[in-house]
Amino acid sequence: KGRFTISRDNAKNTVYLQMNSLKPEDTAVYYCNLDQNRYRGRINWGQ
């Protein structure tokens, strides 16, 4: 919080994640999916 910003462009069917002030602990594989609190398990995880 305060470093990353999530946004969406419905016309492009695209969701974005702007990541600023990156730290070594941010190192990871990042995935998008349906909100898992609402739609858990409905869509397989991608690469």
All heavy atoms as atom14 arrays in JSON, in Angstrom:
{
  "sequence": "KGRFTISRDNAKNTVYLQMNSLKPEDTAVYYCNLDQNRYRGRINWGQ",
  "atom14_mask": [
    [1, 1, 1, 1, 1, 1, 1, 1, 1, 0, 0, 0, 0, 0],
    [1, 1, 1, 1, 0, 0, 0, 0, 0, 0, 0, 0, 0, 0],
    [1, 1, 1, 1, 1, 1, 1, 1, 1, 1, 1, 0, 0, 0],
    [1, 1, 1, 1, 1, 1, 1, 1, 1, 1, 1, 0, 0, 0],
    [1, 1, 1, 1, 1, 1, 1, 0, 0, 0, 0, 0, 0, 0],
    [1, 1, 1, 1, 1, 1, 1, 1, 0, 0, 0, 0, 0, 0],
    [1, 1, 1, 1, 1, 1, 0, 0, 0, 0, 0, 0, 0, 0],
    [1, 1, 1, 1, 1, 1, 1, 1, 1, 1, 1, 0, 0, 0],
    [1, 1, 1, 1, 1, 1, 1, 1, 0, 0, 0, 0, 0, 0],
    [1, 1, 1, 1, 1, 1, 1, 1, 0, 0, 0, 0, 0, 0],
    [1, 1, 1, 1, 1, 0, 0, 0, 0, 0, 0, 0, 0, 0],
    [1, 1, 1, 1, 1, 1, 1, 1, 1, 0, 0, 0, 0, 0],
    [1, 1, 1, 1, 1, 1, 1, 1, 0, 0, 0, 0, 0, 0],
    [1, 1, 1, 1, 1, 1, 1, 0, 0, 0, 0, 0, 0, 0],
    [1, 1, 1, 1, 1, 1, 1, 0, 0, 0, 0, 0, 0, 0],
    [1, 1, 1, 1, 1, 1, 1, 1, 1, 1, 1, 1, 0, 0],
    [1, 1, 1, 1, 1, 1, 1, 1, 0, 0, 0, 0, 0, 0],
    [1, 1, 1, 1, 1, 1, 1, 1, 1, 0, 0, 0, 0, 0],
    [1, 1, 1, 1, 1, 1, 1, 1, 0, 0, 0, 0, 0, 0],
    [1, 1, 1, 1, 1, 1, 1, 1, 0, 0, 0, 0, 0, 0],
    [1, 1, 1, 1, 1, 1, 0, 0, 0, 0, 0, 0, 0, 0],
    [1, 1, 1, 1, 1, 1, 1, 1, 0, 0, 0, 0, 0, 0],
    [1, 1, 1, 1, 1, 1, 1, 1, 1, 0, 0, 0, 0, 0],
    [1, 1, 1, 1, 1, 1, 1, 0, 0, 0, 0, 0, 0, 0],
    [1, 1, 1, 1, 1, 1, 1, 1, 1, 0, 0, 0, 0, 0],
    [1, 1, 1, 1, 1, 1, 1, 1, 0, 0, 0, 0, 0, 0],
    [1, 1, 1, 1, 1, 1, 1, 0, 0, 0, 0, 0, 0, 0],
    [1, 1, 1, 1, 1, 0, 0, 0, 0, 0, 0, 0, 0, 0],
    [1, 1, 1, 1, 1, 1, 1, 0, 0, 0, 0, 0, 0, 0],
    [1, 1, 1, 1, 1, 1, 1, 1, 1, 1, 1, 1, 0, 0],
    [1, 1, 1, 1, 1, 1, 1, 1, 1, 1, 1, 1, 0, 0],
    [1, 1, 1, 1, 1, 1, 0, 0, 0, 0, 0, 0, 0, 0],
    [1, 1, 1, 1, 1, 1, 1, 1, 0, 0, 0, 0, 0, 0],
    [1, 1, 1, 1, 1, 1, 1, 1, 0, 0, 0, 0, 0, 0],
    [1, 1, 1, 1, 1, 1, 1, 1, 0, 0, 0, 0, 0, 0],
    [1, 1, 1, 1, 1, 1, 1, 1, 1, 0, 0, 0, 0, 0],
    [1, 1, 1, 1, 1, 1, 1, 1, 0, 0, 0, 0, 0, 0],
    [1, 1, 1, 1, 1, 1, 1, 1, 1, 1, 1, 0, 0, 0],
    [1, 1, 1, 1, 1, 1, 1, 1, 1, 1, 1, 1, 0, 0],
    [1, 1, 1, 1, 1, 1, 1, 1, 1, 1, 1, 0, 0, 0],
    [1, 1, 1, 1, 0, 0, 0, 0, 0, 0, 0, 0, 0, 0],
    [1, 1, 1, 1, 1, 1, 1, 1, 1, 1, 1, 0, 0, 0],
    [1, 1, 1, 1, 1, 1, 1, 1, 0, 0, 0, 0, 0, 0],
    [1, 1, 1, 1, 1, 1, 1, 1, 0, 0, 0, 0, 0, 0],
    [1, 1, 1, 1, 1, 1, 1, 1, 1, 1, 1, 1, 1, 1],
    [1, 1, 1, 1, 0, 0, 0, 0, 0, 0, 0, 0, 0, 0],
    [1, 1, 1, 1, 1, 1, 1, 1, 1, 0, 0, 0, 0, 0]
  ],
  "atom14_positions": [
    [[0.83, -1.2, 0.0], [0.0, 0.0, 0.0], [0.86, 1.25, 0.0], [1.81, 1.36, 0.77], [-0.94, 0.0, 1.2], [-2.03, 1.05, 1.09], [-3.2, 0.75, 2.0], [-4.36, 1.69, 1.73], [-5.57, 1.31, 2.5], [0.0, 0.0, 0.0], [0.0, 0.0, 0.0], [0.0, 0.0, 0.0], [0.0, 0.0, 0.0], [0.0, 0.0, 0.0]],
    [[0.51, 2.18, -0.87], [1.28, 3.4, -1.03], [2.35, 3.31, -2.09], [2.89, 4.34, -2.51], [0.0, 0.0, 0.0], [0.0, 0.0, 0.0], [0.0, 0.0, 0.0], [0.0, 0.0, 0.0], [0.0, 0.0, 0.0], [0.0, 0.0, 0.0], [0.0, 0.0, 0.0], [0.0, 0.0, 0.0], [0.0, 0.0, 0.0], [0.0, 0.0, 0.0]],
    [[2.67, 2.1, -2.52], [3.68, 1.89, -3.55], [3.1, 1.34, -4.85], [3.58, 1.67, -5.93], [4.77, 0.94, -3.05], [5.49, 1.44, -1.81], [6.67, 0.53, -1.46], [6.24, -0.83, -1.13], [6.62, -1.92, -1.79], [7.46, -1.82, -2.82], [6.19, -3.12, -1.41], [0.0, 0.0, 0.0], [0.0, 0.0, 0.0], [0.0, 0.0, 0.0]],
    [[2.08, 0.49, -4.74], [1.47, -0.15, -5.9], [0.09, 0.44, -6.15], [-0.62, 0.83, -5.21], [1.3, -1.66, -5.68], [2.58, -2.45, -5.63], [3.82, -1.85, -5.56], [2.51, -3.84, -5.65], [4.99, -2.6, -5.51], [3.67, -4.6, -5.61], [4.91, -3.99, -5.54], [0.0, 0.0, 0.0], [0.0, 0.0, 0.0], [0.0, 0.0, 0.0]],
    [[-0.32, 0.46, -7.43], [-1.64, 0.92, -7.81], [-2.25, -0.05, -8.81], [-1.65, -0.31, -9.86], [-1.6, 2.32, -8.43], [-1.02, 3.25, -7.51], [-3.02, 2.79, -8.76], [0.0, 0.0, 0.0], [0.0, 0.0, 0.0], [0.0, 0.0, 0.0], [0.0, 0.0, 0.0], [0.0, 0.0, 0.0], [0.0, 0.0, 0.0], [0.0, 0.0, 0.0]],
    [[-3.43, -0.58, -8.5], [-4.15, -1.44, -9.42], [-5.19, -0.6, -10.16], [-5.8, 0.3, -9.58], [-4.81, -2.63, -8.68], [-5.4, -3.63, -9.68], [-5.86, -2.15, -7.69], [-5.86, -4.94, -9.03], [0.0, 0.0, 0.0], [0.0, 0.0, 0.0], [0.0, 0.0, 0.0], [0.0, 0.0, 0.0], [0.0, 0.0, 0.0], [0.0, 0.0, 0.0]],
    [[-5.36, -0.87, -11.44], [-6.35, -0.16, -12.24], [-6.87, -1.09, -13.32], [-6.34, -2.18, -13.53], [-5.75, 1.11, -12.86], [-4.67, 0.79, -13.72], [0.0, 0.0, 0.0], [0.0, 0.0, 0.0], [0.0, 0.0, 0.0], [0.0, 0.0, 0.0], [0.0, 0.0, 0.0], [0.0, 0.0, 0.0], [0.0, 0.0, 0.0], [0.0, 0.0, 0.0]],
    [[-7.94, -0.65, -13.99], [-8.5, -1.48, -15.06], [-8.98, -0.62, -16.19], [-9.38, 0.53, -16.0], [-9.64, -2.36, -14.51], [-10.87, -1.59, -14.06], [-11.81, -2.5, -13.27], [-12.3, -3.6, -14.07], [-12.74, -4.76, -13.58], [-12.73, -4.96, -12.26], [-13.18, -5.7, -14.4], [0.0, 0.0, 0.0], [0.0, 0.0, 0.0], [0.0, 0.0, 0.0]],
    [[-8.95, -1.19, -17.39], [-9.47, -0.55, -18.59], [-10.46, -1.54, -19.19], [-10.06, -2.5, -19.85], [-8.35, -0.21, -19.57], [-8.84, 0.57, -20.76], [-10.04, 0.52, -21.09], [-8.01, 1.26, -21.39], [0.0, 0.0, 0.0], [0.0, 0.0, 0.0], [0.0, 0.0, 0.0], [0.0, 0.0, 0.0], [0.0, 0.0, 0.0], [0.0, 0.0, 0.0]],
    [[-11.74, -1.32, -18.93], [-12.75, -2.27, -19.38], [-12.85, -2.34, -20.9], [-13.2, -3.39, -21.45], [-14.11, -1.92, -18.77], [-14.17, -2.19, -17.29], [-13.37, -2.96, -16.75], [-15.12, -1.57, -16.61], [0.0, 0.0, 0.0], [0.0, 0.0, 0.0], [0.0, 0.0, 0.0], [0.0, 0.0, 0.0], [0.0, 0.0, 0.0], [0.0, 0.0, 0.0]],
    [[-12.56, -1.24, -21.58], [-12.6, -1.24, -23.04], [-11.54, -2.16, -23.63], [-11.7, -2.67, -24.74], [-12.44, 0.17, -23.59], [0.0, 0.0, 0.0], [0.0, 0.0, 0.0], [0.0, 0.0, 0.0], [0.0, 0.0, 0.0], [0.0, 0.0, 0.0], [0.0, 0.0, 0.0], [0.0, 0.0, 0.0], [0.0, 0.0, 0.0], [0.0, 0.0, 0.0]],
    [[-10.46, -2.36, -22.89], [-9.36, -3.22, -23.35], [-9.33, -4.56, -22.64], [-8.44, -5.37, -22.91], [-8.02, -2.51, -23.14], [-7.86, -1.25, -23.95], [-6.49, -0.62, -23.72], [-6.31, 0.63, -24.56], [-4.99, 1.25, -24.33], [0.0, 0.0, 0.0], [0.0, 0.0, 0.0], [0.0, 0.0, 0.0], [0.0, 0.0, 0.0], [0.0, 0.0, 0.0]],
    [[-10.28, -4.81, -21.75], [-10.3, -6.05, -20.96], [-8.95, -6.31, -20.31], [-8.42, -7.42, -20.34], [-10.7, -7.24, -21.83], [-12.2, -7.33, -22.07], [-12.94, -6.39, -21.83], [-12.64, -8.5, -22.54], [0.0, 0.0, 0.0], [0.0, 0.0, 0.0], [0.0, 0.0, 0.0], [0.0, 0.0, 0.0], [0.0, 0.0, 0.0], [0.0, 0.0, 0.0]],
    [[-8.4, -5.27, -19.7], [-7.06, -5.35, -19.14], [-7.02, -4.76, -17.74], [-7.63, -3.71, -17.49], [-6.05, -4.62, -20.04], [-6.06, -5.23, -21.34], [-4.65, -4.71, -19.48], [0.0, 0.0, 0.0], [0.0, 0.0, 0.0], [0.0, 0.0, 0.0], [0.0, 0.0, 0.0], [0.0, 0.0, 0.0], [0.0, 0.0, 0.0], [0.0, 0.0, 0.0]],
    [[-6.31, -5.42, -16.85], [-6.05, -4.9, -15.52], [-4.55, -4.66, -15.39], [-3.74, -5.44, -15.92], [-6.58, -5.85, -14.42], [-5.93, -7.22, -14.51], [-6.39, -5.25, -13.04], [0.0, 0.0, 0.0], [0.0, 0.0, 0.0], [0.0, 0.0, 0.0], [0.0, 0.0, 0.0], [0.0, 0.0, 0.0], [0.0, 0.0, 0.0], [0.0, 0.0, 0.0]],
    [[-4.18, -3.59, -14.71], [-2.79, -3.18, -14.59], [-2.35, -3.17, -13.13], [-3.16, -3.01, -12.22], [-2.58, -1.78, -15.16], [-3.02, -1.62, -16.59], [-4.28, -1.12, -16.9], [-2.17, -1.97, -17.63], [-4.69, -0.97, -18.21], [-2.57, -1.82, -18.95], [-3.83, -1.31, -19.23], [-4.23, -1.16, -20.53], [0.0, 0.0, 0.0], [0.0, 0.0, 0.0]],
    [[-1.06, -3.28, -12.94], [-0.47, -3.08, -11.62], [0.77, -2.22, -11.79], [1.78, -2.68, -12.33], [-0.09, -4.42, -10.97], [0.41, -4.31, -9.53], [-0.71, -3.88, -8.59], [1.02, -5.63, -9.07], [0.0, 0.0, 0.0], [0.0, 0.0, 0.0], [0.0, 0.0, 0.0], [0.0, 0.0, 0.0], [0.0, 0.0, 0.0], [0.0, 0.0, 0.0]],
    [[0.67, -0.97, -11.37], [1.81, -0.07, -11.37], [2.56, -0.26, -10.07], [2.0, -0.08, -8.99], [1.36, 1.38, -11.52], [2.49, 2.4, -11.48], [3.41, 2.29, -12.67], [2.95, 2.2, -13.8], [4.71, 2.29, -12.42], [0.0, 0.0, 0.0], [0.0, 0.0, 0.0], [0.0, 0.0, 0.0], [0.0, 0.0, 0.0], [0.0, 0.0, 0.0]],
    [[3.84, -0.6, -10.16], [4.65, -0.89, -8.99], [5.79, 0.12, -8.92], [6.63, 0.17, -9.82], [5.21, -2.32, -9.06], [4.14, -3.39, -9.25], [4.82, -5.07, -9.15], [5.88, -5.04, -10.6], [0.0, 0.0, 0.0], [0.0, 0.0, 0.0], [0.0, 0.0, 0.0], [0.0, 0.0, 0.0], [0.0, 0.0, 0.0], [0.0, 0.0, 0.0]],
    [[5.8, 0.91, -7.87], [6.83, 1.91, -7.65], [7.59, 1.59, -6.37], [7.13, 0.83, -5.53], [6.22, 3.31, -7.55], [5.49, 3.73, -8.79], [5.89, 3.39, -9.91], [4.42, 4.51, -8.63], [0.0, 0.0, 0.0], [0.0, 0.0, 0.0], [0.0, 0.0, 0.0], [0.0, 0.0, 0.0], [0.0, 0.0, 0.0], [0.0, 0.0, 0.0]],
    [[8.74, 2.21, -6.22], [9.57, 2.04, -5.03], [9.76, 0.57, -4.69], [9.6, 0.14, -3.55], [8.94, 2.78, -3.84], [8.8, 4.16, -4.12], [0.0, 0.0, 0.0], [0.0, 0.0, 0.0], [0.0, 0.0, 0.0], [0.0, 0.0, 0.0], [0.0, 0.0, 0.0], [0.0, 0.0, 0.0], [0.0, 0.0, 0.0], [0.0, 0.0, 0.0]],
    [[10.12, -0.2, -5.69], [10.23, -1.64, -5.52], [11.33, -2.02, -4.55], [12.38, -1.38, -4.48], [10.46, -2.31, -6.87], [9.19, -2.42, -7.72], [9.54, -2.64, -9.19], [8.3, -3.56, -7.21], [0.0, 0.0, 0.0], [0.0, 0.0, 0.0], [0.0, 0.0, 0.0], [0.0, 0.0, 0.0], [0.0, 0.0, 0.0], [0.0, 0.0, 0.0]],
    [[11.07, -3.08, -3.8], [11.98, -3.61, -2.8], [12.36, -5.04, -3.16], [11.6, -5.73, -3.84], [11.32, -3.6, -1.42], [10.82, -2.24, -0.97], [10.07, -2.37, 0.35], [9.55, -1.03, 0.82], [8.81, -1.15, 2.1], [0.0, 0.0, 0.0], [0.0, 0.0, 0.0], [0.0, 0.0, 0.0], [0.0, 0.0, 0.0], [0.0, 0.0, 0.0]],
    [[13.5, -5.51, -2.68], [13.88, -6.9, -2.96], [12.8, -7.91, -2.54], [12.63, -8.93, -3.21], [15.16, -7.09, -2.14], [15.77, -5.73, -2.12], [14.6, -4.79, -2.01], [0.0, 0.0, 0.0], [0.0, 0.0, 0.0], [0.0, 0.0, 0.0], [0.0, 0.0, 0.0], [0.0, 0.0, 0.0], [0.0, 0.0, 0.0], [0.0, 0.0, 0.0]],
    [[12.08, -7.62, -1.47], [11.04, -8.54, -1.01], [9.82, -8.57, -1.92], [8.92, -9.39, -1.72], [10.62, -8.21, 0.43], [10.28, -6.76, 0.66], [11.43, -5.97, 1.26], [12.57, -6.11, 0.76], [11.2, -5.22, 2.24], [0.0, 0.0, 0.0], [0.0, 0.0, 0.0], [0.0, 0.0, 0.0], [0.0, 0.0, 0.0], [0.0, 0.0, 0.0]],
    [[9.76, -7.69, -2.92], [8.72, -7.76, -3.93], [9.01, -8.8, -5.0], [8.16, -9.07, -5.85], [8.52, -6.4, -4.6], [8.02, -5.34, -3.65], [7.13, -5.63, -2.83], [8.52, -4.19, -3.73], [0.0, 0.0, 0.0], [0.0, 0.0, 0.0], [0.0, 0.0, 0.0], [0.0, 0.0, 0.0], [0.0, 0.0, 0.0], [0.0, 0.0, 0.0]],
    [[10.21, -9.37, -4.98], [10.58, -10.38, -5.96], [9.65, -11.58, -5.88], [9.5, -12.18, -4.81], [12.03, -10.82, -5.75], [12.91, -9.71, -5.99], [12.4, -11.95, -6.7], [0.0, 0.0, 0.0], [0.0, 0.0, 0.0], [0.0, 0.0, 0.0], [0.0, 0.0, 0.0], [0.0, 0.0, 0.0], [0.0, 0.0, 0.0], [0.0, 0.0, 0.0]],
    [[9.02, -11.92, -6.99], [8.05, -13.01, -7.03], [7.55, -13.18, -8.45], [7.8, -12.34, -9.32], [6.86, -12.71, -6.1], [0.0, 0.0, 0.0], [0.0, 0.0, 0.0], [0.0, 0.0, 0.0], [0.0, 0.0, 0.0], [0.0, 0.0, 0.0], [0.0, 0.0, 0.0], [0.0, 0.0, 0.0], [0.0, 0.0, 0.0], [0.0, 0.0, 0.0]],
    [[6.82, -14.27, -8.67], [6.03, -14.4, -9.88], [4.67, -13.78, -9.6], [4.02, -14.13, -8.61], [5.87, -15.87, -10.31], [5.0, -15.97, -11.55], [7.24, -16.49, -10.58], [0.0, 0.0, 0.0], [0.0, 0.0, 0.0], [0.0, 0.0, 0.0], [0.0, 0.0, 0.0], [0.0, 0.0, 0.0], [0.0, 0.0, 0.0], [0.0, 0.0, 0.0]],
    [[4.25, -12.88, -10.46], [2.99, -12.16, -10.29], [1.93, -12.73, -11.21], [2.17, -12.92, -12.41], [3.18, -10.67, -10.56], [3.87, -9.96, -9.42], [5.21, -10.19, -9.15], [3.17, -9.06, -8.61], [5.84, -9.55, -8.09], [3.8, -8.42, -7.56], [5.13, -8.66, -7.3], [5.75, -8.02, -6.25], [0.0, 0.0, 0.0], [0.0, 0.0, 0.0]],
    [[0.76, -12.99, -10.66], [-0.36, -13.57, -11.39], [-1.58, -12.67, -11.3], [-1.81, -12.02, -10.28], [-0.76, -14.92, -10.79], [0.32, -15.95, -10.73], [1.16, -16.05, -9.62], [0.49, -16.87, -11.76], [2.14, -17.02, -9.55], [1.48, -17.84, -11.7], [2.29, -17.91, -10.59], [3.27, -18.88, -10.51], [0.0, 0.0, 0.0], [0.0, 0.0, 0.0]],
    [[-2.37, -12.65, -12.35], [-3.69, -12.04, -12.25], [-4.75, -13.14, -12.3], [-4.51, -14.23, -12.79], [-3.93, -11.01, -13.36], [-4.06, -11.68, -15.03], [0.0, 0.0, 0.0], [0.0, 0.0, 0.0], [0.0, 0.0, 0.0], [0.0, 0.0, 0.0], [0.0, 0.0, 0.0], [0.0, 0.0, 0.0], [0.0, 0.0, 0.0], [0.0, 0.0, 0.0]],
    [[-5.9, -12.84, -11.75], [-7.01, -13.78, -11.75], [-8.27, -13.03, -11.33], [-8.22, -11.84, -11.0], [-6.75, -14.95, -10.8], [-7.42, -16.23, -11.24], [-8.6, -16.23, -11.61], [-6.69, -17.34, -11.21], [0.0, 0.0, 0.0], [0.0, 0.0, 0.0], [0.0, 0.0, 0.0], [0.0, 0.0, 0.0], [0.0, 0.0, 0.0], [0.0, 0.0, 0.0]],
    [[-9.38, -13.73, -11.35], [-10.58, -13.19, -10.73], [-10.29, -13.0, -9.25], [-9.48, -13.73, -8.67], [-11.75, -14.15, -10.9], [-12.01, -14.74, -12.29], [-13.26, -15.6, -12.25], [-12.15, -13.65, -13.33], [0.0, 0.0, 0.0], [0.0, 0.0, 0.0], [0.0, 0.0, 0.0], [0.0, 0.0, 0.0], [0.0, 0.0, 0.0], [0.0, 0.0, 0.0]],
    [[-10.94, -12.04, -8.63], [-10.81, -11.82, -7.2], [-11.15, -13.13, -6.48], [-12.28, -13.61, -6.54], [-11.76, -10.7, -6.77], [-11.73, -10.41, -5.29], [-11.07, -11.14, -4.52], [-12.38, -9.42, -4.89], [0.0, 0.0, 0.0], [0.0, 0.0, 0.0], [0.0, 0.0, 0.0], [0.0, 0.0, 0.0], [0.0, 0.0, 0.0], [0.0, 0.0, 0.0]],
    [[-10.16, -13.71, -5.8], [-10.33, -15.03, -5.22], [-11.25, -15.03, -3.99], [-11.75, -16.08, -3.6], [-8.97, -15.62, -4.85], [-8.09, -15.89, -6.06], [-8.71, -16.89, -7.01], [-8.73, -18.09, -6.75], [-9.24, -16.41, -8.14], [0.0, 0.0, 0.0], [0.0, 0.0, 0.0], [0.0, 0.0, 0.0], [0.0, 0.0, 0.0], [0.0, 0.0, 0.0]],
    [[-11.48, -13.87, -3.4], [-12.43, -13.79, -2.3], [-13.87, -13.93, -2.8], [-14.74, -14.36, -2.05], [-12.28, -12.48, -1.54], [-11.05, -12.45, -0.67], [-10.58, -13.47, -0.18], [-10.51, -11.25, -0.47], [0.0, 0.0, 0.0], [0.0, 0.0, 0.0], [0.0, 0.0, 0.0], [0.0, 0.0, 0.0], [0.0, 0.0, 0.0], [0.0, 0.0, 0.0]],
    [[-14.09, -13.59, -4.05], [-15.43, -13.66, -4.64], [-15.61, -14.89, -5.52], [-16.7, -15.46, -5.56], [-15.7, -12.41, -5.47], [-15.68, -11.1, -4.69], [-15.75, -9.92, -5.65], [-15.67, -8.64, -4.96], [-16.71, -7.87, -4.7], [-17.94, -8.24, -5.06], [-16.54, -6.71, -4.07], [0.0, 0.0, 0.0], [0.0, 0.0, 0.0], [0.0, 0.0, 0.0]],
    [[-14.57, -15.28, -6.26], [-14.69, -16.31, -7.29], [-13.61, -17.38, -7.14], [-13.02, -17.82, -8.13], [-14.6, -15.68, -8.69], [-15.35, -14.4, -8.86], [-14.68, -13.18, -9.01], [-16.74, -14.38, -8.88], [-15.37, -12.0, -9.18], [-17.43, -13.2, -9.05], [-16.74, -12.01, -9.2], [-17.43, -10.83, -9.38], [0.0, 0.0, 0.0], [0.0, 0.0, 0.0]],
    [[-13.36, -17.8, -5.95], [-12.27, -18.74, -5.67], [-12.37, -20.01, -6.48], [-13.4, -20.68, -6.5], [-12.27, -19.06, -4.18], [-11.14, -20.0, -3.74], [-11.06, -20.11, -2.22], [-12.35, -20.46, -1.63], [-13.13, -19.62, -0.96], [-12.76, -18.35, -0.79], [-14.28, -20.04, -0.46], [0.0, 0.0, 0.0], [0.0, 0.0, 0.0], [0.0, 0.0, 0.0]],
    [[-11.29, -20.35, -7.19], [-11.17, -21.61, -7.89], [-11.85, -21.72, -9.22], [-11.8, -22.79, -9.84], [0.0, 0.0, 0.0], [0.0, 0.0, 0.0], [0.0, 0.0, 0.0], [0.0, 0.0, 0.0], [0.0, 0.0, 0.0], [0.0, 0.0, 0.0], [0.0, 0.0, 0.0], [0.0, 0.0, 0.0], [0.0, 0.0, 0.0], [0.0, 0.0, 0.0]],
    [[-12.47, -20.68, -9.71], [-13.22, -20.78, -10.96], [-12.32, -20.8, -12.19], [-12.66, -21.45, -13.18], [-14.21, -19.63, -11.08], [-15.34, -19.68, -10.06], [-16.41, -18.69, -10.41], [-17.44, -18.59, -9.39], [-18.53, -17.85, -9.49], [-18.75, -17.15, -10.6], [-19.41, -17.81, -8.51], [0.0, 0.0, 0.0], [0.0, 0.0, 0.0], [0.0, 0.0, 0.0]],
    [[-11.21, -20.09, -12.14], [-10.31, -19.96, -13.28], [-8.93, -20.46, -12.9], [-8.4, -20.11, -11.85], [-10.22, -18.49, -13.77], [-11.62, -17.94, -14.07], [-9.31, -18.39, -14.98], [-12.34, -18.67, -15.16], [0.0, 0.0, 0.0], [0.0, 0.0, 0.0], [0.0, 0.0, 0.0], [0.0, 0.0, 0.0], [0.0, 0.0, 0.0], [0.0, 0.0, 0.0]],
    [[-8.33, -21.26, -13.78], [-6.99, -21.77, -13.52], [-5.96, -20.65, -13.51], [-6.1, -19.65, -14.22], [-6.6, -22.8, -14.58], [-7.4, -24.07, -14.48], [-7.94, -24.41, -13.43], [-7.48, -24.81, -15.58], [0.0, 0.0, 0.0], [0.0, 0.0, 0.0], [0.0, 0.0, 0.0], [0.0, 0.0, 0.0], [0.0, 0.0, 0.0], [0.0, 0.0, 0.0]],
    [[-4.91, -20.84, -12.72], [-3.81, -19.9, -12.69], [-2.96, -20.04, -13.95], [-2.7, -21.14, -14.42], [-2.94, -20.12, -11.45], [-3.69, -19.88, -10.19], [-4.35, -20.79, -9.43], [-3.88, -18.62, -9.54], [-4.95, -20.19, -8.34], [-4.66, -18.85, -8.38], [-3.45, -17.31, -9.8], [-5.03, -17.83, -7.51], [-3.83, -16.29, -8.94], [-4.6, -16.57, -7.8]],
    [[-2.52, -18.9, -14.47], [-1.68, -18.91, -15.66], [-0.21, -19.01, -15.31], [0.16, -19.44, -14.22], [0.0, 0.0, 0.0], [0.0, 0.0, 0.0], [0.0, 0.0, 0.0], [0.0, 0.0, 0.0], [0.0, 0.0, 0.0], [0.0, 0.0, 0.0], [0.0, 0.0, 0.0], [0.0, 0.0, 0.0], [0.0, 0.0, 0.0], [0.0, 0.0, 0.0]],
    [[0.63, -18.6, -16.26], [2.08, -18.7, -16.06], [2.64, -17.57, -15.2], [3.7, -17.74, -14.6], [2.8, -18.72, -17.4], [2.58, -19.99, -18.2], [3.44, -20.04, -19.44], [3.53, -19.06, -20.19], [4.07, -21.18, -19.67], [0.0, 0.0, 0.0], [0.0, 0.0, 0.0], [0.0, 0.0, 0.0], [0.0, 0.0, 0.0], [0.0, 0.0, 0.0]]
  ]
}
